[in-house]
Amino acid sequence: MSRQYELKARLQAGQPVFGTFVKSSCPNIAEMLGYAGFDFAILDCEHSAYSFQDAENMIRACQLADMASIVRIDGPRPGLVHHALESGATGVQVPSIASVDDAAQCAREAVFFPGGTRSPNPATRSGRFTCWTGEKPYLAAMADSSLCVVQVECVEMARRVEDLCAIPQIDVLFIGPGDLSMSMGKPGRLTDPEVVAVIEDIIRRGLAGGKIMGMLCGSPEAVKKYYDLGVRYLAYSSDSGMIAGAFKKINADVFAPYRP
């Protein structure tokens, strides 16, 4: 099985997977990430200027490099879940969840009947326009591989982790530390003891509830810390953050010594 279709199985087997947020709508960057060995790219339709066509082309680039594509839609709208998956994405990531019902409605839309409300249509990109030739029939293959990630990024949802764990269609609970710190009245203070304690509590309760846990990490030390705590869906930085960081390092190390 190719990497793009085995992400969910690897997570269910307890293996770690590593990816990054992709803010640019540049297919070459998605290809580079895949060829470099990243397991997945989170195509950020919440905080970037992606059109539906942009997202589809980015998904296509991920597939070319045999890397899983996860579309972070712009909010908890079930129709966007359906659209992302029909565009061929490996999975969908749902932000801005404000209620358990929000999460449940979006998660059901990621799964075909009888487990969910996703409408089957093999004439889409996901089904290769009726030309599906996978080892398994199309519906079975999608049931096995499509990933549903729901973000926990506010105080209210942090209190409702057990209720989120009770939604069977959710595969991964992903912690958004920046928005969580905002919700706690500590904007950007990701190392504040209270913020750290809430993050670690969400992880503990999510794992106890049988969910795979995800986390955004901004440093190698954070990756190690959260891996050791049991997080297996690990997103590191973003394409823009890593590229800008490389540019700044070149400016500091190569150009700065010669500037007046």
Protein backbone atom coordinates (compact mmCIF):
# COMPACT_ATOMS: atom_id res chain seq x y z
CA MET A 1 0.00 0.00 0.00
CA SER A 2 1.24 3.51 -0.79
CA ARG A 3 2.12 5.97 1.94
CA GLN A 4 -0.84 8.24 1.21
CA TYR A 5 -3.31 5.46 1.98
CA GLU A 6 -1.54 3.87 4.95
CA LEU A 7 -1.39 6.88 7.30
CA LYS A 8 -4.50 5.85 9.25
CA ALA A 9 -3.36 2.23 9.57
CA ARG A 10 0.04 3.34 10.86
CA LEU A 11 -1.59 5.55 13.48
CA GLN A 12 -3.96 2.79 14.55
CA ALA A 13 -0.94 0.52 14.96
CA GLY A 14 0.60 3.06 17.37
CA GLN A 15 3.26 4.31 14.98
CA PRO A 16 4.21 8.00 14.87
CA VAL A 17 3.62 10.05 11.73
CA PHE A 18 5.22 13.42 11.03
CA GLY A 19 4.03 16.33 8.95
CA THR A 20 3.73 20.08 8.73
CA PHE A 21 1.20 22.79 7.96
CA VAL A 22 1.38 24.06 4.37
CA LYS A 23 0.35 27.70 4.04
CA SER A 24 1.47 28.29 0.45
CA SER A 25 -0.58 27.10 -2.50
CA CYS A 26 2.59 25.94 -4.26
CA PRO A 27 2.46 22.33 -5.51
CA ASN A 28 6.26 22.19 -5.77
CA ILE A 29 6.55 22.68 -2.02
CA ALA A 30 4.11 19.84 -1.37
CA GLU A 31 6.11 17.60 -3.68
CA MET A 32 9.37 18.52 -1.94
CA LEU A 33 7.92 17.65 1.46
CA GLY A 34 6.82 14.26 0.18
CA TYR A 35 10.12 13.48 -1.50
CA ALA A 36 11.94 14.60 1.66
CA GLY A 37 10.10 11.94 3.65
CA PHE A 38 7.29 13.81 5.42
CA ASP A 39 4.34 11.52 6.10
CA PHE A 40 1.62 14.15 5.65
CA ALA A 41 0.95 17.78 4.78
CA ILE A 42 -1.85 19.73 6.42
CA LEU A 43 -3.15 22.00 3.66
CA ASP A 44 -4.23 25.05 5.63
CA CYS A 45 -7.49 26.35 4.19
CA GLU A 46 -8.25 28.11 7.49
CA HIS A 47 -5.36 30.57 7.59
CA SER A 48 -4.31 30.73 3.93
CA ALA A 49 -5.78 31.94 0.65
CA TYR A 50 -6.65 28.54 -0.79
CA SER A 51 -9.42 28.25 -3.35
CA PHE A 52 -11.09 24.89 -3.97
CA GLN A 53 -8.98 24.55 -7.11
CA ASP A 54 -5.79 25.40 -5.18
CA ALA A 55 -6.58 22.73 -2.61
CA GLU A 56 -7.24 20.15 -5.32
CA ASN A 57 -3.92 20.91 -7.02
CA MET A 58 -2.09 20.66 -3.70
CA ILE A 59 -3.75 17.31 -3.02
CA ARG A 60 -2.66 16.19 -6.48
CA ALA A 61 0.95 17.23 -5.72
CA CYS A 62 0.91 15.31 -2.45
CA GLN A 63 -0.34 12.24 -4.29
CA LEU A 64 2.42 12.59 -6.88
CA ALA A 65 5.00 12.42 -4.07
CA ASP A 66 3.01 9.60 -2.36
CA MET A 67 2.42 11.70 0.76
CA ALA A 68 -0.84 11.90 2.70
CA SER A 69 -2.80 15.13 2.30
CA ILE A 70 -4.90 16.45 5.18
CA VAL A 71 -7.12 19.42 4.39
CA ARG A 72 -7.70 21.75 7.32
CA ILE A 73 -11.03 23.28 6.36
CA ASP A 74 -11.87 26.83 7.42
CA GLY A 75 -14.36 25.88 10.12
CA PRO A 76 -16.77 23.20 11.34
CA ARG A 77 -18.86 22.99 8.18
CA PRO A 78 -19.83 19.42 7.19
CA GLY A 79 -20.09 20.35 3.51
CA LEU A 80 -16.42 21.29 3.46
CA VAL A 81 -15.51 17.92 4.99
CA HIS A 82 -17.33 16.18 2.17
CA HIS A 83 -15.75 18.42 -0.49
CA ALA A 84 -12.19 17.92 0.79
CA LEU A 85 -12.49 14.14 0.80
CA GLU A 86 -14.12 14.02 -2.63
CA SER A 87 -11.24 16.15 -3.93
CA GLY A 88 -8.98 13.24 -3.07
CA ALA A 89 -7.57 14.26 0.31
CA THR A 90 -6.38 11.51 2.61
CA GLY A 91 -8.14 13.18 5.48
CA VAL A 92 -9.71 16.29 6.89
CA GLN A 93 -8.84 18.39 9.93
CA VAL A 94 -11.62 20.42 11.53
CA PRO A 95 -10.77 23.62 13.47
CA SER A 96 -12.80 26.06 15.55
CA ILE A 97 -14.98 23.43 17.19
CA ALA A 98 -17.23 25.21 19.69
CA SER A 99 -19.50 22.33 20.68
CA VAL A 100 -19.57 18.55 20.77
CA ASP A 101 -22.39 18.67 18.22
CA ASP A 102 -20.15 20.63 15.81
CA ALA A 103 -17.55 17.88 16.09
CA ALA A 104 -20.08 15.07 15.69
CA GLN A 105 -21.68 16.54 12.57
CA CYS A 106 -18.35 17.06 10.83
CA ALA A 107 -17.00 13.67 11.87
CA ARG A 108 -20.08 11.85 10.56
CA GLU A 109 -19.61 13.54 7.20
CA ALA A 110 -16.15 11.95 6.96
CA VAL A 111 -17.57 8.41 7.06
CA PHE A 112 -19.81 6.53 4.63
CA PHE A 113 -23.15 5.01 5.65
CA PRO A 114 -23.92 3.22 7.93
CA GLY A 115 -21.27 4.76 10.17
CA GLY A 116 -21.71 8.28 8.88
CA THR A 117 -23.39 10.60 6.40
CA ARG A 118 -20.75 10.90 3.67
CA SER A 119 -22.39 10.42 0.29
CA PRO A 120 -20.61 7.88 -1.95
CA ASN A 121 -19.68 9.14 -5.40
CA PRO A 122 -16.89 7.26 -7.22
CA ALA A 123 -17.10 9.74 -10.13
CA THR A 124 -15.06 12.28 -8.10
CA ARG A 125 -11.26 12.68 -7.90
CA SER A 126 -11.33 10.51 -4.80
CA GLY A 127 -12.74 7.63 -6.86
CA ARG A 128 -10.47 8.43 -9.81
CA PHE A 129 -13.50 9.49 -11.84
CA THR A 130 -14.93 5.94 -11.86
CA CYS A 131 -11.52 4.53 -12.85
CA TRP A 132 -10.61 3.24 -9.36
CA THR A 133 -8.29 0.23 -9.62
CA GLY A 134 -7.13 -0.23 -6.04
CA GLU A 135 -6.60 -3.55 -4.32
CA LYS A 136 -9.89 -3.05 -2.48
CA PRO A 137 -13.18 -1.64 -3.81
CA TYR A 138 -13.36 2.15 -3.61
CA LEU A 139 -15.75 2.41 -0.64
CA ALA A 140 -13.80 -0.14 1.39
CA ALA A 141 -10.49 1.54 0.62
CA MET A 142 -11.80 4.95 1.69
CA ALA A 143 -13.31 3.51 4.87
CA ASP A 144 -9.91 2.07 5.77
CA SER A 145 -7.81 5.11 4.89
CA SER A 146 -9.80 8.35 5.30
CA LEU A 147 -8.70 10.17 8.45
CA CYS A 148 -10.84 12.51 10.54
CA VAL A 149 -8.96 14.93 12.79
CA VAL A 150 -10.78 17.29 15.15
CA GLN A 151 -8.97 20.16 16.84
CA VAL A 152 -9.23 20.86 20.56
CA GLU A 153 -8.29 24.51 20.93
CA CYS A 154 -10.54 26.22 23.45
CA VAL A 155 -11.30 25.87 27.14
CA GLU A 156 -14.82 24.57 26.56
CA MET A 157 -13.65 21.70 24.36
CA ALA A 158 -10.80 20.96 26.76
CA ARG A 159 -13.51 20.32 29.35
CA ARG A 160 -15.39 18.04 26.94
CA VAL A 161 -12.60 15.64 25.90
CA GLU A 162 -14.51 12.59 27.12
CA ASP A 163 -17.54 13.60 25.05
CA LEU A 164 -15.33 14.02 21.98
CA CYS A 165 -13.81 10.60 22.62
CA ALA A 166 -17.31 9.13 22.52
CA ILE A 167 -17.71 10.16 18.85
CA PRO A 168 -16.63 7.02 16.98
CA GLN A 169 -15.98 8.73 13.64
CA ILE A 170 -13.17 10.89 15.09
CA ASP A 171 -9.76 9.30 14.63
CA VAL A 172 -7.45 12.01 16.03
CA LEU A 173 -7.84 14.79 18.58
CA PHE A 174 -5.39 17.53 17.67
CA ILE A 175 -4.38 20.20 20.17
CA GLY A 176 -3.96 23.74 18.86
CA PRO A 177 -1.76 25.31 21.55
CA GLY A 178 -1.90 28.87 20.21
CA ASP A 179 -5.68 29.16 20.16
CA LEU A 180 -5.91 27.28 23.44
CA SER A 181 -3.62 29.82 25.10
CA MET A 182 -5.80 32.61 23.69
CA SER A 183 -8.91 30.93 25.07
CA MET A 184 -7.24 30.75 28.49
CA GLY A 185 -6.44 34.48 28.45
CA LYS A 186 -2.72 33.81 28.00
CA PRO A 187 -2.18 34.59 24.30
CA GLY A 188 0.99 33.07 22.89
CA ARG A 189 2.25 31.98 26.31
CA LEU A 190 2.70 28.36 25.30
CA THR A 191 5.13 27.56 28.12
CA ASP A 192 2.93 29.06 30.83
CA PRO A 193 2.50 26.35 33.50
CA GLU A 194 -1.31 26.57 33.33
CA VAL A 195 -1.36 26.23 29.53
CA VAL A 196 1.09 23.33 29.66
CA ALA A 197 -0.98 21.62 32.35
CA VAL A 198 -4.16 21.87 30.27
CA ILE A 199 -2.39 20.51 27.16
CA GLU A 200 -0.98 17.56 29.09
CA ASP A 201 -4.37 16.89 30.68
CA ILE A 202 -6.06 16.83 27.26
CA ILE A 203 -3.49 14.32 26.04
CA ARG A 204 -3.90 12.09 29.07
CA ARG A 205 -7.70 12.06 28.90
CA GLY A 206 -7.77 11.66 25.12
CA LEU A 207 -5.50 8.64 25.27
CA ALA A 208 -7.56 7.19 28.11
CA GLY A 209 -10.64 7.64 25.90
CA GLY A 210 -9.05 5.63 23.11
CA LYS A 211 -8.22 8.44 20.69
CA ILE A 212 -5.01 9.05 18.77
CA MET A 213 -3.58 12.36 19.89
CA GLY A 214 -2.11 15.09 17.69
CA MET A 215 -0.04 18.15 18.50
CA LEU A 216 1.55 21.14 16.79
CA CYS A 217 5.22 21.32 17.76
CA GLY A 218 7.52 24.29 17.28
CA SER A 219 10.85 22.71 18.17
CA PRO A 220 12.66 19.36 18.17
CA GLU A 221 12.37 19.36 21.96
CA ALA A 222 8.59 19.68 21.70
CA VAL A 223 8.44 16.76 19.28
CA LYS A 224 10.33 14.58 21.76
CA LYS A 225 8.25 15.74 24.72
CA TYR A 226 4.89 15.06 23.11
CA TYR A 227 6.02 11.81 21.52
CA ASP A 228 7.05 10.65 25.00
CA LEU A 229 3.59 11.66 26.28
CA GLY A 230 1.96 9.40 23.70
CA VAL A 231 1.20 11.82 20.84
CA ARG A 232 1.56 10.07 17.48
CA TYR A 233 0.20 12.60 14.94
CA LEU A 234 2.96 15.21 15.11
CA ALA A 235 2.88 18.41 13.06
CA TYR A 236 6.10 20.39 13.05
CA SER A 237 6.06 24.10 12.20
CA SER A 238 4.87 25.09 8.69
CA ASP A 239 6.32 25.46 5.22
CA SER A 240 6.41 29.26 5.55
CA GLY A 241 7.99 29.06 9.00
CA MET A 242 10.72 26.66 7.88
CA ILE A 243 11.45 28.52 4.64
CA ALA A 244 11.54 31.93 6.32
CA GLY A 245 13.76 30.47 9.04
CA ALA A 246 16.23 29.23 6.42
CA PHE A 247 16.21 32.61 4.68
CA LYS A 248 16.83 34.44 7.96
CA LYS A 249 19.71 32.11 8.81
CA ILE A 250 21.35 32.76 5.43
CA ASN A 251 20.95 36.49 5.97
CA ALA A 252 22.49 36.28 9.44
CA ASP A 253 25.28 33.82 8.61
CA VAL A 254 26.20 34.78 5.04
CA PHE A 255 25.18 38.37 4.37
CA ALA A 256 25.26 40.10 7.76
CA PRO A 257 29.08 40.06 8.18
CA TYR A 258 29.40 42.24 5.07
CA ARG A 259 26.63 44.73 5.82
CA PRO A 260 27.67 48.18 7.09
